[in-house]
Amino acid sequence: MMMEMVLSEEKAKENNINIDECYEKVDRFFEKRGIKKISKGVYQGNKKDFNTFMTAQWDLPESTWFLKIVDEWYFRYEGDTIEYREDALESYYRVEERYANYPW
């Protein structure tokens, strides 16, 4: 499985956010958990890393900066013959909308 993200330099400048620091934060999150960085914003793990990727999928949007500067964000599942690439950003907003008026 993999997580891919592209952070916007333009959005970062508009929000006075250091994009390199943000990538470093994400790098450290995955590195601490043994997830391999493939390239800038691309992280690869295996089945045992599922919980780590799910934690990232729910924790990143809770940061003060992520949703302000993310342009693309994908979570990719790979099996023996099946590959599924989910738009994690679209999924996040869909779930947020579904529960926006839920009386917690």
N, C-alpha and C. Protein backbone atom coordinates (compact mmCIF):
# COMPACT_ATOMS: atom_id res chain seq x y z
N MET A 1 0.84 -1.17 0.00
CA MET A 1 0.00 0.00 0.00
C MET A 1 0.88 1.23 0.00
N MET A 2 0.31 2.31 -0.50
CA MET A 2 1.06 3.55 -0.63
C MET A 2 0.17 4.74 -0.31
N MET A 3 0.80 5.82 0.12
CA MET A 3 0.13 7.09 0.26
C MET A 3 0.94 8.10 -0.55
N GLU A 4 0.21 8.87 -1.35
CA GLU A 4 0.83 9.88 -2.19
C GLU A 4 0.17 11.21 -1.91
N MET A 5 0.98 12.26 -1.79
CA MET A 5 0.40 13.59 -1.59
C MET A 5 1.23 14.63 -2.32
N VAL A 6 0.55 15.63 -2.82
CA VAL A 6 1.20 16.77 -3.46
C VAL A 6 0.72 18.00 -2.71
N LEU A 7 1.66 18.71 -2.13
CA LEU A 7 1.35 19.95 -1.43
C LEU A 7 1.62 21.12 -2.36
N SER A 8 0.76 22.12 -2.32
CA SER A 8 0.84 23.25 -3.24
C SER A 8 1.76 24.35 -2.71
N GLU A 9 2.77 24.65 -3.49
CA GLU A 9 3.68 25.75 -3.14
C GLU A 9 2.91 27.07 -3.10
N GLU A 10 2.02 27.26 -4.07
CA GLU A 10 1.23 28.49 -4.14
C GLU A 10 0.33 28.64 -2.91
N LYS A 11 -0.39 27.58 -2.55
CA LYS A 11 -1.27 27.63 -1.38
C LYS A 11 -0.46 27.85 -0.10
N ALA A 12 0.72 27.25 -0.04
CA ALA A 12 1.58 27.42 1.12
C ALA A 12 1.99 28.88 1.27
N LYS A 13 2.37 29.51 0.16
CA LYS A 13 2.75 30.92 0.20
C LYS A 13 1.57 31.79 0.61
N GLU A 14 0.39 31.50 0.06
CA GLU A 14 -0.81 32.27 0.39
C GLU A 14 -1.14 32.18 1.88
N ASN A 15 -0.86 31.04 2.48
CA ASN A 15 -1.18 30.82 3.90
C ASN A 15 0.03 31.01 4.81
N ASN A 16 1.13 31.52 4.25
CA ASN A 16 2.35 31.76 5.01
C ASN A 16 2.81 30.50 5.74
N ILE A 17 2.86 29.40 5.00
CA ILE A 17 3.25 28.09 5.54
C ILE A 17 4.51 27.63 4.81
N ASN A 18 5.46 27.12 5.54
CA ASN A 18 6.69 26.60 4.95
C ASN A 18 6.42 25.17 4.48
N ILE A 19 6.33 25.00 3.18
CA ILE A 19 5.97 23.70 2.59
C ILE A 19 7.02 22.63 2.91
N ASP A 20 8.29 23.02 2.95
CA ASP A 20 9.34 22.04 3.25
C ASP A 20 9.19 21.49 4.66
N GLU A 21 8.84 22.34 5.61
CA GLU A 21 8.60 21.88 6.98
C GLU A 21 7.43 20.90 7.04
N CYS A 22 6.42 21.14 6.23
CA CYS A 22 5.25 20.25 6.20
C CYS A 22 5.64 18.88 5.66
N TYR A 23 6.37 18.86 4.55
CA TYR A 23 6.84 17.57 4.02
C TYR A 23 7.71 16.86 5.05
N GLU A 24 8.55 17.61 5.78
CA GLU A 24 9.40 17.00 6.80
C GLU A 24 8.57 16.39 7.93
N LYS A 25 7.49 17.04 8.31
CA LYS A 25 6.61 16.51 9.36
C LYS A 25 6.01 15.17 8.92
N VAL A 26 5.56 15.12 7.67
CA VAL A 26 4.98 13.89 7.15
C VAL A 26 6.06 12.81 7.04
N ASP A 27 7.24 13.21 6.57
CA ASP A 27 8.36 12.26 6.49
C ASP A 27 8.65 11.64 7.86
N ARG A 28 8.72 12.49 8.89
CA ARG A 28 9.02 11.99 10.24
C ARG A 28 7.92 11.06 10.75
N PHE A 29 6.66 11.40 10.47
CA PHE A 29 5.54 10.55 10.89
C PHE A 29 5.72 9.14 10.35
N PHE A 30 5.98 9.02 9.06
CA PHE A 30 6.11 7.71 8.44
C PHE A 30 7.43 7.03 8.83
N GLU A 31 8.50 7.80 8.89
CA GLU A 31 9.81 7.23 9.24
C GLU A 31 9.77 6.59 10.63
N LYS A 32 9.16 7.27 11.60
CA LYS A 32 9.05 6.73 12.97
C LYS A 32 8.33 5.39 13.00
N ARG A 33 7.49 5.16 12.02
CA ARG A 33 6.68 3.94 11.99
C ARG A 33 7.21 2.91 10.99
N GLY A 34 8.39 3.16 10.47
CA GLY A 34 9.04 2.20 9.58
C GLY A 34 8.53 2.17 8.15
N ILE A 35 7.84 3.22 7.73
CA ILE A 35 7.31 3.29 6.37
C ILE A 35 8.37 3.92 5.47
N LYS A 36 8.59 3.33 4.33
CA LYS A 36 9.62 3.77 3.40
C LYS A 36 9.14 4.96 2.56
N LYS A 37 9.98 5.99 2.47
CA LYS A 37 9.71 7.13 1.59
C LYS A 37 10.26 6.78 0.22
N ILE A 38 9.41 6.81 -0.80
CA ILE A 38 9.79 6.49 -2.17
C ILE A 38 10.33 7.73 -2.88
N SER A 39 9.61 8.82 -2.71
CA SER A 39 10.00 10.11 -3.28
C SER A 39 9.25 11.18 -2.50
N LYS A 40 9.42 12.42 -2.87
CA LYS A 40 8.77 13.51 -2.14
C LYS A 40 7.25 13.29 -2.10
N GLY A 41 6.72 13.11 -0.90
CA GLY A 41 5.28 12.95 -0.71
C GLY A 41 4.74 11.57 -1.04
N VAL A 42 5.62 10.59 -1.26
CA VAL A 42 5.17 9.23 -1.61
C VAL A 42 5.78 8.25 -0.63
N TYR A 43 4.91 7.46 0.03
CA TYR A 43 5.32 6.55 1.09
C TYR A 43 4.76 5.16 0.81
N GLN A 44 5.60 4.14 1.03
CA GLN A 44 5.20 2.78 0.72
C GLN A 44 5.36 1.87 1.94
N GLY A 45 4.32 1.09 2.17
CA GLY A 45 4.34 0.09 3.23
C GLY A 45 3.74 -1.20 2.72
N ASN A 46 3.37 -2.07 3.65
CA ASN A 46 2.73 -3.33 3.27
C ASN A 46 1.50 -3.55 4.17
N LYS A 47 0.94 -4.73 4.12
CA LYS A 47 -0.31 -5.01 4.86
C LYS A 47 -0.20 -4.69 6.34
N LYS A 48 0.96 -4.97 6.94
CA LYS A 48 1.11 -4.73 8.38
C LYS A 48 1.08 -3.24 8.72
N ASP A 49 1.24 -2.39 7.72
CA ASP A 49 1.26 -0.94 7.93
C ASP A 49 -0.10 -0.28 7.74
N PHE A 50 -1.13 -1.07 7.56
CA PHE A 50 -2.46 -0.52 7.29
C PHE A 50 -2.88 0.50 8.35
N ASN A 51 -2.70 0.17 9.63
CA ASN A 51 -3.12 1.08 10.69
C ASN A 51 -2.37 2.41 10.64
N THR A 52 -1.10 2.36 10.28
CA THR A 52 -0.33 3.60 10.16
C THR A 52 -0.89 4.49 9.06
N PHE A 53 -1.22 3.89 7.93
CA PHE A 53 -1.78 4.68 6.83
C PHE A 53 -3.17 5.23 7.20
N MET A 54 -3.94 4.47 7.91
CA MET A 54 -5.25 4.95 8.34
C MET A 54 -5.11 6.08 9.35
N THR A 55 -4.14 5.97 10.23
CA THR A 55 -3.89 7.05 11.20
C THR A 55 -3.51 8.32 10.45
N ALA A 56 -2.64 8.20 9.47
CA ALA A 56 -2.26 9.37 8.67
C ALA A 56 -3.47 9.96 7.96
N GLN A 57 -4.32 9.10 7.44
CA GLN A 57 -5.49 9.56 6.69
C GLN A 57 -6.45 10.36 7.58
N TRP A 58 -6.50 10.04 8.85
CA TRP A 58 -7.39 10.77 9.75
C TRP A 58 -6.69 11.89 10.50
N ASP A 59 -5.39 11.75 10.76
CA ASP A 59 -4.68 12.78 11.53
C ASP A 59 -4.20 13.95 10.70
N LEU A 60 -3.77 13.72 9.48
CA LEU A 60 -3.27 14.82 8.66
C LEU A 60 -4.29 15.95 8.51
N PRO A 61 -5.55 15.66 8.21
CA PRO A 61 -6.52 16.75 8.08
C PRO A 61 -6.77 17.51 9.38
N GLU A 62 -6.42 16.90 10.50
CA GLU A 62 -6.62 17.57 11.79
C GLU A 62 -5.50 18.58 12.09
N SER A 63 -4.42 18.54 11.31
CA SER A 63 -3.34 19.50 11.52
C SER A 63 -3.82 20.90 11.10
N THR A 64 -3.09 21.90 11.52
CA THR A 64 -3.48 23.28 11.19
C THR A 64 -3.13 23.66 9.77
N TRP A 65 -2.34 22.87 9.08
CA TRP A 65 -1.82 23.26 7.78
C TRP A 65 -2.24 22.36 6.62
N PHE A 66 -2.49 21.09 6.85
CA PHE A 66 -2.62 20.13 5.76
C PHE A 66 -3.71 20.48 4.75
N LEU A 67 -4.92 20.68 5.19
CA LEU A 67 -6.01 20.96 4.25
C LEU A 67 -5.85 22.30 3.55
N LYS A 68 -5.07 23.20 4.14
CA LYS A 68 -4.84 24.50 3.51
C LYS A 68 -3.92 24.41 2.30
N ILE A 69 -3.06 23.37 2.26
CA ILE A 69 -2.05 23.35 1.20
C ILE A 69 -2.03 22.08 0.35
N VAL A 70 -2.83 21.09 0.68
CA VAL A 70 -2.80 19.86 -0.11
C VAL A 70 -3.53 20.06 -1.43
N ASP A 71 -2.91 19.59 -2.52
CA ASP A 71 -3.53 19.64 -3.85
C ASP A 71 -4.06 18.27 -4.25
N GLU A 72 -3.26 17.24 -4.01
CA GLU A 72 -3.64 15.87 -4.35
C GLU A 72 -3.23 14.97 -3.20
N TRP A 73 -4.07 13.94 -2.97
CA TRP A 73 -3.80 13.03 -1.87
C TRP A 73 -4.46 11.69 -2.20
N TYR A 74 -3.66 10.64 -2.27
CA TYR A 74 -4.18 9.32 -2.66
C TYR A 74 -3.69 8.25 -1.70
N PHE A 75 -4.55 7.27 -1.52
CA PHE A 75 -4.20 6.07 -0.77
C PHE A 75 -4.36 4.91 -1.72
N ARG A 76 -3.32 4.08 -1.84
CA ARG A 76 -3.34 3.01 -2.83
C ARG A 76 -3.21 1.66 -2.12
N TYR A 77 -4.15 0.78 -2.43
CA TYR A 77 -4.14 -0.58 -1.92
C TYR A 77 -3.68 -1.48 -3.04
N GLU A 78 -2.82 -2.41 -2.73
CA GLU A 78 -2.37 -3.35 -3.75
C GLU A 78 -2.52 -4.76 -3.21
N GLY A 79 -3.05 -5.64 -4.03
CA GLY A 79 -3.20 -7.03 -3.66
C GLY A 79 -2.47 -7.91 -4.65
N ASP A 80 -2.84 -9.17 -4.70
CA ASP A 80 -2.17 -10.08 -5.63
C ASP A 80 -2.38 -9.66 -7.08
N THR A 81 -3.59 -9.28 -7.42
CA THR A 81 -3.87 -8.88 -8.80
C THR A 81 -4.65 -7.58 -8.87
N ILE A 82 -5.07 -7.04 -7.74
CA ILE A 82 -5.94 -5.87 -7.74
C ILE A 82 -5.20 -4.66 -7.20
N GLU A 83 -5.35 -3.57 -7.88
CA GLU A 83 -4.83 -2.32 -7.37
C GLU A 83 -5.99 -1.34 -7.31
N TYR A 84 -6.08 -0.62 -6.21
CA TYR A 84 -7.15 0.34 -6.02
C TYR A 84 -6.54 1.64 -5.53
N ARG A 85 -6.77 2.71 -6.24
CA ARG A 85 -6.25 4.02 -5.86
C ARG A 85 -7.42 4.90 -5.47
N GLU A 86 -7.46 5.27 -4.21
CA GLU A 86 -8.55 6.07 -3.67
C GLU A 86 -8.11 7.52 -3.52
N ASP A 87 -8.95 8.44 -3.93
CA ASP A 87 -8.69 9.86 -3.72
C ASP A 87 -9.01 10.15 -2.25
N ALA A 88 -7.98 10.21 -1.43
CA ALA A 88 -8.16 10.36 0.01
C ALA A 88 -8.75 11.72 0.36
N LEU A 89 -8.44 12.74 -0.41
CA LEU A 89 -8.99 14.07 -0.16
C LEU A 89 -10.49 14.09 -0.41
N GLU A 90 -10.90 13.51 -1.51
CA GLU A 90 -12.34 13.43 -1.82
C GLU A 90 -13.05 12.61 -0.75
N SER A 91 -12.47 11.52 -0.33
CA SER A 91 -13.07 10.68 0.70
C SER A 91 -13.22 11.42 2.01
N TYR A 92 -12.19 12.17 2.37
CA TYR A 92 -12.24 12.94 3.62
C TYR A 92 -13.42 13.92 3.60
N TYR A 93 -13.54 14.69 2.52
CA TYR A 93 -14.63 15.68 2.44
C TYR A 93 -16.00 15.01 2.36
N ARG A 94 -16.09 13.87 1.71
CA ARG A 94 -17.36 13.14 1.64
C ARG A 94 -17.79 12.69 3.04
N VAL A 95 -16.87 12.15 3.81
CA VAL A 95 -17.18 11.71 5.18
C VAL A 95 -17.50 12.91 6.06
N GLU A 96 -16.74 13.98 5.94
CA GLU A 96 -17.02 15.19 6.71
C GLU A 96 -18.42 15.71 6.44
N GLU A 97 -18.81 15.72 5.17
CA GLU A 97 -20.14 16.21 4.80
C GLU A 97 -21.22 15.30 5.39
N ARG A 98 -21.00 14.01 5.31
CA ARG A 98 -21.98 13.04 5.81
C ARG A 98 -22.25 13.24 7.30
N TYR A 99 -21.20 13.55 8.06
CA TYR A 99 -21.34 13.66 9.51
C TYR A 99 -21.39 15.09 10.03
N ALA A 100 -21.46 16.05 9.14
CA ALA A 100 -21.45 17.47 9.54
C ALA A 100 -22.58 17.82 10.51
N ASN A 101 -23.73 17.25 10.31
CA ASN A 101 -24.87 17.59 11.17
C ASN A 101 -25.24 16.47 12.13
N TYR A 102 -24.33 15.52 12.28
CA TYR A 102 -24.60 14.40 13.17
C TYR A 102 -24.46 14.87 14.61
N PRO A 103 -25.47 14.65 15.43
CA PRO A 103 -25.44 15.15 16.82
C PRO A 103 -24.56 14.27 17.72
N TRP A 104 -23.31 14.62 17.83
CA TRP A 104 -22.40 13.87 18.68
C TRP A 104 -22.71 14.20 20.09
